[in-house]
Protein backbone atom coordinates (compact mmCIF):
# COMPACT_ATOMS: atom_id res chain seq x y z
CA MET A 1 -119.44 -52.94 -4.37
CA LEU A 2 -122.07 -50.81 -6.08
CA LYS A 3 -120.92 -47.39 -7.18
CA GLN A 4 -122.90 -44.48 -8.55
CA THR A 5 -121.46 -42.47 -11.41
CA LEU A 6 -122.68 -39.49 -13.37
CA SER A 7 -122.25 -39.61 -17.14
CA GLN A 8 -123.46 -37.53 -20.06
CA ARG A 9 -124.25 -38.80 -23.53
CA MET A 10 -126.06 -37.52 -26.56
CA THR A 11 -128.55 -39.74 -28.42
CA GLN A 12 -130.84 -39.13 -31.34
CA LYS A 13 -134.21 -40.79 -31.80
CA LEU A 14 -136.61 -40.55 -34.70
CA SER A 15 -140.04 -39.18 -33.90
CA PRO A 16 -143.14 -41.08 -35.04
CA GLN A 17 -143.65 -38.38 -37.68
CA GLN A 18 -140.13 -38.87 -39.07
CA ILE A 19 -140.61 -42.63 -39.18
CA GLN A 20 -143.91 -42.12 -41.01
CA LEU A 21 -142.20 -39.89 -43.59
CA MET A 22 -139.39 -42.40 -44.15
CA LYS A 23 -141.95 -45.13 -44.82
CA LEU A 24 -143.90 -42.93 -47.23
CA LEU A 25 -140.73 -42.09 -49.17
CA GLN A 26 -140.20 -45.76 -49.90
CA ILE A 27 -143.69 -46.21 -51.36
CA PRO A 28 -143.88 -45.85 -55.16
CA THR A 29 -146.72 -43.90 -56.76
CA ALA A 30 -148.33 -47.13 -57.94
CA THR A 31 -149.12 -48.17 -54.35
CA LEU A 32 -149.44 -44.78 -52.65
CA ASP A 33 -153.23 -44.78 -53.02
CA GLN A 34 -153.45 -48.02 -51.03
CA ARG A 35 -151.45 -46.47 -48.18
CA ILE A 36 -153.70 -43.42 -48.19
CA LYS A 37 -156.80 -45.63 -48.14
CA GLU A 38 -155.43 -47.45 -45.09
CA GLU A 39 -154.94 -44.14 -43.28
CA LEU A 40 -158.41 -42.94 -44.27
CA GLU A 41 -159.94 -46.15 -42.88
CA SER A 42 -157.99 -46.01 -39.61
CA ASN A 43 -158.47 -42.30 -38.89
CA PRO A 44 -162.03 -40.90 -39.18
CA ALA A 45 -160.71 -37.35 -38.73
CA LEU A 46 -158.99 -37.58 -42.14
CA GLU A 47 -160.99 -37.43 -45.34
CA GLU A 48 -160.46 -36.96 -49.04
CA SER A 49 -161.21 -33.46 -50.31
CA GLU A 50 -163.80 -33.69 -53.06
CA ASP A 51 -163.61 -30.09 -54.20
CA TYR A 52 -159.87 -29.62 -53.59
CA ASP A 53 -160.79 -26.58 -51.51
CA GLU A 54 -159.80 -25.93 -47.96
CA VAL A 55 -158.27 -28.19 -45.37
CA PHE A 56 -157.57 -27.56 -41.73
CA ASP A 57 -153.94 -26.45 -41.42
CA MET A 58 -152.99 -26.57 -37.78
CA GLN A 59 -149.92 -25.30 -35.98
CA ASP A 60 -147.71 -27.51 -33.81
CA GLU A 61 -148.21 -27.18 -30.09
CA GLU A 62 -147.28 -29.02 -26.96
CA VAL A 63 -150.12 -30.86 -25.23
CA ASN A 64 -150.12 -32.51 -21.83
CA ASP A 65 -150.69 -36.22 -22.51
CA GLY A 66 -150.66 -37.15 -18.83
CA GLU A 67 -153.58 -38.06 -16.65
CA ILE A 68 -156.47 -35.59 -16.91
CA GLU A 69 -157.60 -34.12 -13.63
CA THR A 70 -160.69 -32.08 -12.92
CA ASP A 71 -159.58 -30.37 -9.72
CA THR A 72 -158.35 -26.97 -10.96
CA GLN A 73 -159.79 -24.41 -13.29
CA GLU A 74 -156.28 -23.64 -14.62
CA GLU A 75 -155.82 -27.14 -16.10
CA ASP A 76 -159.32 -26.99 -17.55
CA ALA A 77 -158.49 -23.72 -19.29
CA PHE A 78 -155.17 -25.00 -20.61
CA GLU A 79 -156.46 -28.27 -21.98
CA LEU A 80 -159.70 -27.04 -23.44
CA ASP A 81 -159.94 -23.27 -23.90
CA ASP A 82 -156.45 -22.82 -25.34
CA TYR A 83 -156.85 -25.94 -27.42
CA LEU A 84 -160.19 -24.83 -28.88
CA LYS A 85 -158.77 -21.40 -29.60
CA GLU A 86 -155.87 -22.92 -31.57
CA TYR A 87 -157.92 -25.45 -33.53
CA ILE A 88 -161.22 -23.66 -34.10
CA GLU A 89 -160.87 -19.89 -34.06
CA ASP A 90 -157.97 -19.75 -36.53
CA ASP A 91 -159.08 -19.42 -40.15
CA PRO A 92 -158.49 -22.64 -42.13
CA MET A 93 -155.59 -22.28 -44.53
CA SER A 94 -155.35 -23.82 -47.96
CA TYR A 95 -153.34 -27.03 -47.99
CA LYS A 96 -153.20 -28.54 -51.46
CA LEU A 97 -150.98 -31.46 -52.24
CA LYS A 98 -151.08 -30.62 -55.93
CA GLY A 99 -149.37 -27.25 -55.83
CA ASP A 100 -148.26 -25.31 -58.89
CA VAL A 101 -144.63 -26.29 -58.40
CA TYR A 102 -145.50 -29.92 -59.03
CA SER A 103 -148.10 -29.31 -61.79
CA THR A 104 -151.60 -30.72 -61.68
CA GLU A 105 -151.15 -32.50 -64.98
CA GLU A 106 -151.35 -36.25 -64.62
CA VAL A 107 -150.39 -39.24 -66.68
CA LYS A 108 -153.31 -40.14 -68.87
CA ASP A 109 -154.81 -43.54 -68.31
CA SER A 110 -154.53 -46.16 -71.01
CA PRO A 111 -157.33 -48.65 -71.42
CA LEU A 112 -156.38 -51.90 -69.70
CA SER A 113 -157.58 -55.29 -70.72
CA MET A 114 -159.32 -57.04 -67.86
CA GLY A 115 -158.07 -60.59 -67.99
CA SER A 116 -158.32 -63.42 -65.55
CA SER A 117 -155.29 -64.34 -63.49
CA PHE A 118 -153.31 -67.51 -63.87
CA HIS A 119 -154.78 -69.03 -60.69
CA GLU A 120 -158.31 -68.19 -61.84
CA TYR A 121 -157.53 -69.99 -65.08
CA LEU A 122 -156.47 -73.10 -63.16
CA THR A 123 -159.51 -72.90 -60.88
CA THR A 124 -161.79 -72.74 -63.92
CA GLN A 125 -160.26 -75.96 -65.25
CA LEU A 126 -160.62 -77.52 -61.83
CA GLY A 127 -164.36 -76.89 -61.97
CA MET A 128 -164.58 -79.08 -65.06
CA MET A 129 -162.85 -82.03 -63.39
CA GLU A 130 -164.75 -84.84 -61.69
CA PHE A 131 -163.57 -85.85 -58.22
CA SER A 132 -164.57 -89.02 -56.43
CA ASN A 133 -165.12 -87.11 -53.17
CA GLU A 134 -165.13 -83.63 -51.69
CA LYS A 135 -161.83 -84.22 -49.91
CA ASP A 136 -159.92 -84.60 -53.17
CA GLU A 137 -161.47 -81.40 -54.48
CA LEU A 138 -160.36 -79.48 -51.38
CA ILE A 139 -156.86 -80.90 -51.76
CA ALA A 140 -156.77 -79.81 -55.41
CA GLU A 141 -157.86 -76.29 -54.46
CA GLN A 142 -155.14 -76.13 -51.80
CA ILE A 143 -152.52 -77.27 -54.32
CA ILE A 144 -153.58 -74.65 -56.88
CA GLY A 145 -153.51 -71.95 -54.23
CA SER A 146 -149.93 -72.94 -53.39
CA ILE A 147 -148.64 -72.82 -56.98
CA ASP A 148 -146.32 -69.84 -57.46
CA GLU A 149 -146.27 -67.29 -60.27
CA ASP A 150 -143.91 -69.44 -62.37
CA GLY A 151 -146.30 -72.40 -62.22
CA TYR A 152 -144.35 -74.45 -59.67
CA LEU A 153 -145.48 -76.11 -56.45
CA ARG A 154 -142.45 -75.29 -54.34
CA ARG A 155 -144.21 -75.85 -51.02
CA ASP A 156 -143.41 -79.17 -49.35
CA ILE A 157 -146.10 -81.84 -49.43
CA GLU A 158 -145.81 -82.18 -45.65
CA ALA A 159 -146.51 -78.45 -45.32
CA LEU A 160 -149.65 -78.85 -47.43
CA VAL A 161 -150.82 -81.56 -45.02
CA ASP A 162 -150.52 -79.04 -42.18
CA ASP A 163 -152.20 -76.30 -44.23
CA LEU A 164 -155.25 -78.45 -44.88
CA LEU A 165 -155.49 -79.38 -41.23
CA PHE A 166 -155.36 -75.79 -39.99
CA THR A 167 -157.37 -74.04 -42.71
CA GLN A 168 -159.89 -76.74 -43.68
CA ASN A 169 -159.81 -78.96 -40.58
CA LEU A 170 -159.10 -81.77 -43.03
CA GLU A 171 -156.83 -84.67 -42.10
CA VAL A 172 -154.99 -86.11 -45.11
CA GLU A 173 -151.91 -88.19 -45.77
CA VAL A 174 -148.95 -87.38 -47.99
CA HIS A 175 -149.97 -90.01 -50.53
CA ASP A 176 -153.42 -88.37 -50.80
CA ILE A 177 -151.85 -85.10 -51.90
CA GLU A 178 -149.42 -86.83 -54.27
CA ARG A 179 -152.32 -88.68 -55.90
CA VAL A 180 -154.35 -85.50 -56.44
CA LEU A 181 -151.23 -83.64 -57.56
CA GLU A 182 -150.94 -86.02 -60.52
CA ASP A 183 -154.39 -84.86 -61.66
CA VAL A 184 -153.51 -81.19 -61.16
CA GLN A 185 -150.40 -81.67 -63.29
CA LYS A 186 -152.68 -82.65 -66.19
CA LEU A 187 -154.11 -79.13 -66.33
CA GLU A 188 -153.07 -76.57 -68.90
CA PRO A 189 -150.45 -75.24 -69.35
CA VAL A 190 -148.49 -78.50 -69.44
CA GLY A 191 -145.98 -78.77 -66.61
CA VAL A 192 -147.93 -76.72 -64.09
CA GLY A 193 -147.79 -77.98 -60.51
CA SER A 194 -144.32 -79.47 -60.90
CA ARG A 195 -142.12 -79.43 -57.84
CA ASP A 196 -138.91 -78.56 -59.67
CA LEU A 197 -137.54 -77.82 -63.13
CA GLN A 198 -136.63 -81.44 -63.87
CA GLU A 199 -140.14 -82.71 -63.14
CA SER A 200 -141.69 -79.93 -65.23
CA LEU A 201 -139.51 -80.63 -68.27
CA ILE A 202 -140.16 -84.38 -68.04
CA ILE A 203 -143.95 -83.85 -67.89
CA GLN A 204 -143.83 -81.51 -70.89
CA LEU A 205 -141.62 -83.85 -72.91
CA LYS A 206 -143.78 -86.90 -72.18
CA ASN A 207 -146.79 -84.93 -73.38
CA ARG A 208 -144.97 -84.13 -76.63
CA ILE A 209 -143.93 -87.77 -77.13
CA GLU A 210 -147.55 -88.93 -76.76
CA LYS A 211 -148.57 -86.61 -79.59
CA GLU A 212 -145.55 -87.35 -81.84
CA ASP A 213 -146.00 -89.15 -85.16
CA ASP A 214 -142.64 -88.55 -86.85
CA TYR A 215 -140.16 -91.35 -86.09
CA GLU A 216 -136.95 -89.32 -86.37
CA SER A 217 -138.29 -86.59 -84.15
CA ALA A 218 -139.63 -89.18 -81.70
CA ARG A 219 -136.14 -90.70 -81.40
CA SER A 220 -134.64 -87.32 -80.48
CA LYS A 221 -137.38 -86.85 -77.91
CA ASP A 222 -136.71 -90.29 -76.40
CA LEU A 223 -133.03 -89.38 -76.06
CA ALA A 224 -134.00 -86.04 -74.53
CA LEU A 225 -136.24 -87.81 -72.00
CA LYS A 226 -133.37 -90.12 -71.08
CA ILE A 227 -131.09 -87.14 -70.55
CA LEU A 228 -133.65 -85.39 -68.33
CA THR A 229 -134.32 -88.56 -66.34
CA LYS A 230 -130.79 -89.89 -65.81
CA TYR A 231 -128.36 -87.12 -66.77
CA PHE A 232 -130.11 -83.97 -65.64
CA ASP A 233 -127.15 -82.78 -63.54
CA GLU A 234 -124.77 -83.13 -66.49
CA PHE A 235 -127.28 -81.38 -68.76
CA SER A 236 -127.81 -78.45 -66.38
CA LYS A 237 -124.03 -77.98 -66.06
CA LYS A 238 -123.55 -78.44 -69.84
CA HIS A 239 -121.11 -81.33 -69.53
CA TYR A 240 -121.77 -82.30 -73.15
CA ASP A 241 -118.63 -84.40 -73.62
CA ARG A 242 -119.50 -86.51 -70.59
CA MET A 243 -123.04 -87.10 -71.91
CA LYS A 244 -121.73 -88.11 -75.34
CA ARG A 245 -119.45 -90.69 -73.79
CA SER A 246 -122.06 -92.05 -71.36
CA LEU A 247 -124.83 -92.31 -73.98
CA SER A 248 -122.53 -93.23 -76.91
CA LEU A 249 -123.95 -90.41 -79.01
CA SER A 250 -122.53 -88.42 -81.86
CA GLU A 251 -122.44 -84.66 -81.57
CA SER A 252 -125.33 -84.25 -84.00
CA GLU A 253 -127.49 -86.74 -82.06
CA LEU A 254 -126.80 -84.96 -78.78
CA LYS A 255 -127.47 -81.60 -80.40
CA ASP A 256 -130.87 -82.77 -81.67
CA ALA A 257 -131.81 -84.09 -78.23
CA ILE A 258 -130.69 -80.87 -76.53
CA GLU A 259 -132.72 -78.83 -79.01
CA GLU A 260 -135.83 -80.82 -78.06
CA ILE A 261 -135.24 -79.92 -74.40
CA LEU A 262 -134.68 -76.26 -75.24
CA LYS A 263 -138.13 -76.15 -76.87
CA LEU A 264 -139.70 -76.83 -73.47
CA ASN A 265 -140.85 -74.09 -71.13
CA PRO A 266 -138.82 -73.65 -67.91
CA LYS A 267 -141.66 -71.51 -66.49
CA PRO A 268 -144.96 -73.27 -67.21
CA ALA A 269 -147.08 -70.30 -66.12
CA SER A 270 -145.61 -68.14 -68.89
CA ALA A 271 -147.48 -70.32 -71.41
CA TYR A 272 -150.72 -68.81 -70.12
CA ALA A 273 -151.41 -65.69 -72.17
CA SER A 274 -155.19 -65.25 -72.07
CA GLY A 275 -155.76 -61.79 -70.70
CA GLY A 276 -152.39 -61.76 -69.04
CA ASN A 277 -148.69 -61.44 -69.64
CA SER A 278 -145.89 -63.92 -70.00
CA ARG A 279 -145.92 -64.51 -66.26
CA GLY A 280 -149.50 -65.62 -66.23
CA GLU A 281 -150.70 -62.53 -64.42
CA ALA A 282 -153.17 -59.86 -65.40
CA ASN A 283 -151.49 -57.04 -67.34
CA GLN A 284 -149.53 -54.75 -65.08
CA TYR A 285 -148.13 -51.42 -66.21
CA ILE A 286 -145.36 -49.36 -64.70
CA VAL A 287 -146.74 -46.21 -63.11
CA PRO A 288 -143.99 -43.55 -63.30
CA ASP A 289 -143.36 -41.44 -60.22
CA PHE A 290 -141.89 -38.59 -62.29
CA ILE A 291 -142.46 -37.27 -65.79
CA ILE A 292 -139.76 -35.36 -67.69
CA THR A 293 -140.74 -33.61 -70.92
CA ASN A 294 -138.60 -31.70 -73.39
CA ARG A 295 -140.17 -28.45 -74.54
CA ASP A 296 -138.02 -26.56 -77.06
CA ASP A 297 -134.88 -28.12 -75.58
CA GLU A 298 -135.96 -27.12 -72.06
CA LEU A 299 -136.54 -30.00 -69.65
CA ALA A 300 -139.65 -29.82 -67.47
CA LEU A 301 -140.08 -32.07 -64.43
CA ARG A 302 -143.32 -32.85 -62.66
CA LEU A 303 -144.56 -35.40 -60.15
CA ASN A 304 -147.20 -37.91 -61.09
CA ASN A 305 -149.84 -37.02 -58.50
CA LYS A 306 -152.37 -39.46 -59.86
CA ASN A 307 -152.47 -41.54 -56.68
CA ALA A 308 -152.14 -38.68 -54.18
CA PRO A 309 -155.56 -37.06 -53.71
CA ASP A 310 -156.01 -33.89 -51.67
CA LEU A 311 -156.66 -34.62 -48.00
CA ARG A 312 -158.22 -32.52 -45.26
CA ILE A 313 -159.49 -32.69 -41.68
CA SER A 314 -163.07 -33.90 -41.39
CA ASP A 315 -165.62 -31.08 -41.01
CA HIS A 316 -167.59 -33.30 -38.65
CA TYR A 317 -164.76 -33.40 -36.11
CA VAL A 318 -164.34 -29.62 -36.27
CA ASP A 319 -168.10 -29.16 -35.81
CA VAL A 320 -168.00 -31.39 -32.73
CA LEU A 321 -165.34 -29.17 -31.16
CA LYS A 322 -167.29 -26.02 -32.04
CA GLY A 323 -170.45 -27.49 -30.51
CA PHE A 324 -168.60 -28.40 -27.34
CA SER A 325 -167.05 -24.93 -27.14
CA ALA A 326 -170.49 -23.30 -27.36
CA SER A 327 -172.07 -25.65 -24.80
CA LYS A 328 -169.42 -25.26 -22.06
CA THR A 329 -169.63 -21.46 -21.77
CA GLY A 330 -169.78 -20.43 -18.11
CA ARG A 331 -169.32 -23.87 -16.61
CA LYS A 332 -166.58 -26.32 -15.70
CA SER A 333 -165.91 -29.23 -18.06
CA THR A 334 -166.43 -32.76 -16.83
CA LYS A 335 -163.82 -35.47 -17.00
CA GLN A 336 -165.78 -37.26 -19.75
CA GLU A 337 -165.89 -34.08 -21.85
CA LYS A 338 -162.15 -33.61 -21.45
CA GLU A 339 -161.45 -37.18 -22.50
CA ALA A 340 -163.69 -36.77 -25.55
CA VAL A 341 -161.90 -33.58 -26.60
CA MET A 342 -158.47 -35.16 -26.11
CA PHE A 343 -159.54 -38.14 -28.20
CA ILE A 344 -160.65 -35.82 -31.01
CA LYS A 345 -157.41 -33.88 -30.72
CA GLN A 346 -155.39 -37.10 -31.04
CA LYS A 347 -157.21 -38.00 -34.25
CA ILE A 348 -156.85 -34.50 -35.68
CA ASP A 349 -153.13 -34.43 -34.83
CA SER A 350 -152.64 -37.80 -36.50
CA ALA A 351 -154.46 -36.59 -39.61
CA LYS A 352 -152.42 -33.42 -39.68
CA TRP A 353 -149.17 -35.34 -39.37
CA PHE A 354 -150.15 -37.60 -42.24
CA ILE A 355 -151.06 -34.65 -44.49
CA ASP A 356 -147.75 -32.99 -43.65
CA ALA A 357 -145.89 -36.24 -44.36
CA ILE A 358 -147.51 -36.54 -47.80
CA LYS A 359 -146.54 -32.94 -48.58
CA GLN A 360 -142.97 -33.48 -47.37
CA ARG A 361 -142.83 -36.66 -49.43
CA GLN A 362 -143.69 -34.70 -52.57
CA GLU A 363 -141.16 -31.98 -51.81
CA THR A 364 -138.41 -34.52 -51.13
CA LEU A 365 -139.20 -36.55 -54.24
CA TYR A 366 -139.30 -33.46 -56.44
CA ASN A 367 -136.04 -31.97 -55.11
CA THR A 368 -134.21 -35.29 -55.40
CA MET A 369 -135.40 -36.00 -58.94
CA TYR A 370 -134.67 -32.43 -60.04
CA THR A 371 -131.09 -32.80 -58.80
CA ILE A 372 -130.72 -36.13 -60.63
CA MET A 373 -132.10 -34.53 -63.81
CA GLN A 374 -129.58 -31.69 -63.60
CA TYR A 375 -126.77 -34.16 -62.91
CA GLN A 376 -127.69 -36.31 -65.92
CA LEU A 377 -128.74 -33.56 -68.35
CA ASP A 378 -126.82 -35.13 -71.23
CA PHE A 379 -128.85 -38.34 -70.99
CA PHE A 380 -132.24 -36.63 -70.65
CA HIS A 381 -131.47 -34.53 -73.73
CA THR A 382 -130.13 -37.35 -75.91
CA GLY A 383 -131.34 -40.67 -74.45
CA ASP A 384 -127.84 -42.08 -74.96
CA GLU A 385 -127.01 -44.32 -71.98
CA ARG A 386 -123.32 -43.81 -72.68
CA ARG A 387 -123.84 -40.19 -71.60
CA ILE A 388 -124.87 -41.20 -68.08
CA LYS A 389 -122.28 -39.74 -65.72
CA PRO A 390 -120.89 -41.56 -62.70
CA MET A 391 -123.17 -40.67 -59.81
CA ILE A 392 -123.50 -42.05 -56.30
CA LEU A 393 -126.01 -41.38 -53.53
CA LYS A 394 -123.58 -39.05 -51.78
CA ASP A 395 -123.47 -36.73 -54.80
CA ILE A 396 -127.24 -36.15 -54.68
CA ALA A 397 -127.29 -35.95 -50.87
CA GLU A 398 -124.70 -33.15 -50.87
CA VAL A 399 -126.67 -31.03 -53.35
CA THR A 400 -130.11 -31.57 -51.80
CA GLY A 401 -128.94 -31.44 -48.19
CA LEU A 402 -130.70 -34.74 -47.53
CA ASP A 403 -129.29 -37.75 -45.76
CA ILE A 404 -127.85 -40.50 -47.96
CA SER A 405 -130.41 -42.96 -46.57
CA THR A 406 -133.21 -40.58 -47.60
CA VAL A 407 -131.89 -40.37 -51.17
CA SER A 408 -131.68 -44.15 -51.20
CA ARG A 409 -135.34 -44.44 -50.17
CA VAL A 410 -136.36 -42.06 -52.94
CA ALA A 411 -134.37 -43.91 -55.59
CA ASN A 412 -135.64 -47.32 -54.55
CA SER A 413 -138.60 -48.67 -56.56
CA LYS A 414 -139.20 -45.33 -58.33
CA PHE A 415 -139.52 -44.77 -62.09
CA VAL A 416 -139.16 -41.71 -64.30
CA GLN A 417 -140.92 -41.36 -67.64
CA THR A 418 -138.90 -39.69 -70.40
CA GLU A 419 -139.29 -39.30 -74.15
CA PHE A 420 -136.81 -42.17 -74.46
CA GLY A 421 -138.79 -44.57 -72.30
CA THR A 422 -139.39 -45.25 -68.63
CA LYS A 423 -136.32 -45.94 -66.48
CA ARG A 424 -135.62 -46.91 -62.89
CA LEU A 425 -134.08 -44.17 -60.80
CA LYS A 426 -131.48 -46.53 -59.40
CA ASP A 427 -130.23 -47.15 -62.97
CA PHE A 428 -128.77 -43.62 -62.95
CA PHE A 429 -126.54 -44.41 -59.99
CA SER A 430 -123.16 -45.93 -60.74
CA GLU A 431 -119.57 -45.72 -59.64
CA SER A 432 -116.81 -44.25 -61.77
CA MET A 433 -113.95 -45.94 -63.56
CA THR A 434 -110.85 -44.33 -65.02
CA THR A 435 -109.86 -45.26 -68.58
CA SER A 436 -106.29 -45.53 -69.82
CA ASP A 437 -106.67 -41.94 -71.10
CA GLY A 438 -107.47 -40.72 -67.60
CA GLU A 439 -111.14 -40.10 -68.39
CA GLU A 440 -113.78 -40.94 -65.79
CA VAL A 441 -116.62 -43.10 -67.14
CA SER A 442 -119.64 -44.73 -65.54
CA THR A 443 -119.54 -48.41 -64.74
CA LEU A 444 -122.88 -48.59 -66.61
CA GLU A 445 -120.96 -47.92 -69.82
CA VAL A 446 -118.54 -50.76 -69.05
CA LYS A 447 -121.45 -53.13 -68.33
CA ASN A 448 -123.14 -52.24 -71.63
CA ILE A 449 -119.93 -52.93 -73.55
CA LEU A 450 -119.43 -56.19 -71.64
CA SER A 451 -122.97 -57.26 -72.51
CA ASP A 452 -122.43 -56.43 -76.20
CA ILE A 453 -119.20 -58.46 -76.31
CA ILE A 454 -120.88 -61.52 -74.81
CA LYS A 455 -123.86 -61.23 -77.17
CA ALA A 456 -121.49 -61.24 -80.16
CA GLU A 457 -119.32 -64.16 -78.97
CA HIS A 458 -119.28 -67.56 -80.69
CA LYS A 459 -121.51 -69.70 -78.51
CA ARG A 460 -119.49 -72.85 -79.19
CA LYS A 461 -116.45 -71.11 -77.71
CA PRO A 462 -117.68 -68.45 -75.27
CA TYR A 463 -115.19 -66.05 -73.74
CA SER A 464 -113.82 -66.71 -70.29
CA ASP A 465 -113.72 -63.91 -67.72
CA GLU A 466 -109.97 -63.61 -68.32
CA LYS A 467 -110.54 -63.16 -72.05
CA LEU A 468 -113.30 -60.61 -71.42
CA LYS A 469 -110.91 -58.68 -69.16
CA ASP A 470 -108.27 -58.57 -71.92
CA MET A 471 -110.83 -57.38 -74.50
CA LEU A 472 -112.03 -54.58 -72.23
CA GLN A 473 -108.47 -53.52 -71.46
CA GLN A 474 -107.77 -53.35 -75.19
CA ARG A 475 -110.62 -50.83 -75.42
CA GLY A 476 -109.04 -48.68 -72.75
CA TYR A 477 -110.90 -49.84 -69.64
CA LYS A 478 -108.58 -50.71 -66.78
CA ILE A 479 -110.41 -53.57 -65.13
CA ALA A 480 -109.56 -56.71 -63.15
CA ARG A 481 -110.88 -60.19 -63.88
CA ARG A 482 -112.79 -60.36 -60.59
CA THR A 483 -114.48 -57.06 -61.51
CA VAL A 484 -115.52 -58.54 -64.85
CA ALA A 485 -117.00 -61.51 -62.99
CA LYS A 486 -118.89 -59.15 -60.64
CA TYR A 487 -120.35 -57.12 -63.53
CA ARG A 488 -121.28 -60.29 -65.41
CA GLU A 489 -123.17 -61.61 -62.37
CA GLN A 490 -124.94 -58.25 -61.94
CA LEU A 491 -126.07 -58.57 -65.58
CA ASN A 492 -127.36 -62.11 -64.80
CA ILE A 493 -124.99 -63.59 -67.39
CA PRO A 494 -123.72 -67.12 -66.54
CA VAL A 495 -120.11 -68.26 -66.72
CA ALA A 496 -118.60 -69.29 -70.06
CA ARG A 497 -119.25 -73.01 -69.52
CA LEU A 498 -122.97 -72.43 -69.06
CA ARG A 499 -123.13 -70.17 -72.13
CA LYS A 500 -121.70 -72.88 -74.34
CA GLU A 501 -123.91 -74.28 -77.08
CA LEU A 502 -123.44 -77.23 -79.43
């Protein structure tokens, strides 16, 4: 039986403006200009202020978004006369994103070398190859376009068959791609286009063997090739004793063969350095979101506003409204005129919301970073990472009055430039740990000590997690073995067995 009941509940929903602000908070300064360009392209009522002068600063008001009717003079007056009075007759107020509190000083540009990318380098080599038909050339181009930043072809061959069919309307077989792939793998740097690490190392080693003249060195390379071909799993897991028994090798012979493998490049693209970095990309520089300077032992914080130009409402849209206001004097507006005005209002509102969101973004970023700076004053004065205090998102949220999720968005992907180098904001956040003396220290300090211990260990007998735990406890840090393992993994340090060297 159906029954009606009356219930009351309270819900909270984010407005489109709040969602827009949350998204802007996540964007680092390096990519903010791209987001602004997208908004400028999508909203003609928004434009970049060339003279950093005046922008249209409008007040919030409620507007009837329902169906527009032309029956009554009262609705006409509400939707048009009041609207025009609010948006036109008020004097425009200054709205500058680069206010004095944030400083107009920007980070000076450094000259960047304009180098070709890794894929452009491969494409250039491809142009010097001779193909028997156009189909093979298209396959080669598809393969190069699918090679990742490390130089590997991690996309399945079957997927490439589908890609060529959909993008080039070209029907090919798996063996066609495998045949052309062999030619692509002959390009520089050696090992590019490999489908996994094993294939890449084998290609590189075979290339070295072909160029080898010294007999002793050639023998070590032959053993290394055998290890990569038949004992790759044992090699990757560093089961050296098992390899010595299986191959009947002495320790010195195995060591020589392993050294030949270690000379190879696990990331083929990093061998490309012409006009790029070790990853085979054009040079990329970190753009700091904040700059902290020390002037006579006084810290000064400012935002890097390089990629946040002043924005304003388009004069053209305001002129259109003024022209309409002058033309409708003494007569009733038509439905088409109302729709045109409401369209313009929608665009102006959207532009205003975006300008407000950019301004709120700057205020939120500044307040959050200022609180972090005050919390970590010892570090910003000395540059000593051991002086970084335990600090969690909640600590900053309580001081700033912001939500923890908002602080998290600010800290994510943001950088601060100091006299001691540029650091990630999230590197300042860490939990606390109590020493045997009862002192609270940051887990960052424990991780740094753990890293130093592992760097100094004897690589033939690396320390186990249990041993590392004992060594840290001897230094006064009360820590469990599983915590040591967690910190080691966060530092991207492998287990003892994989750190072992001959």
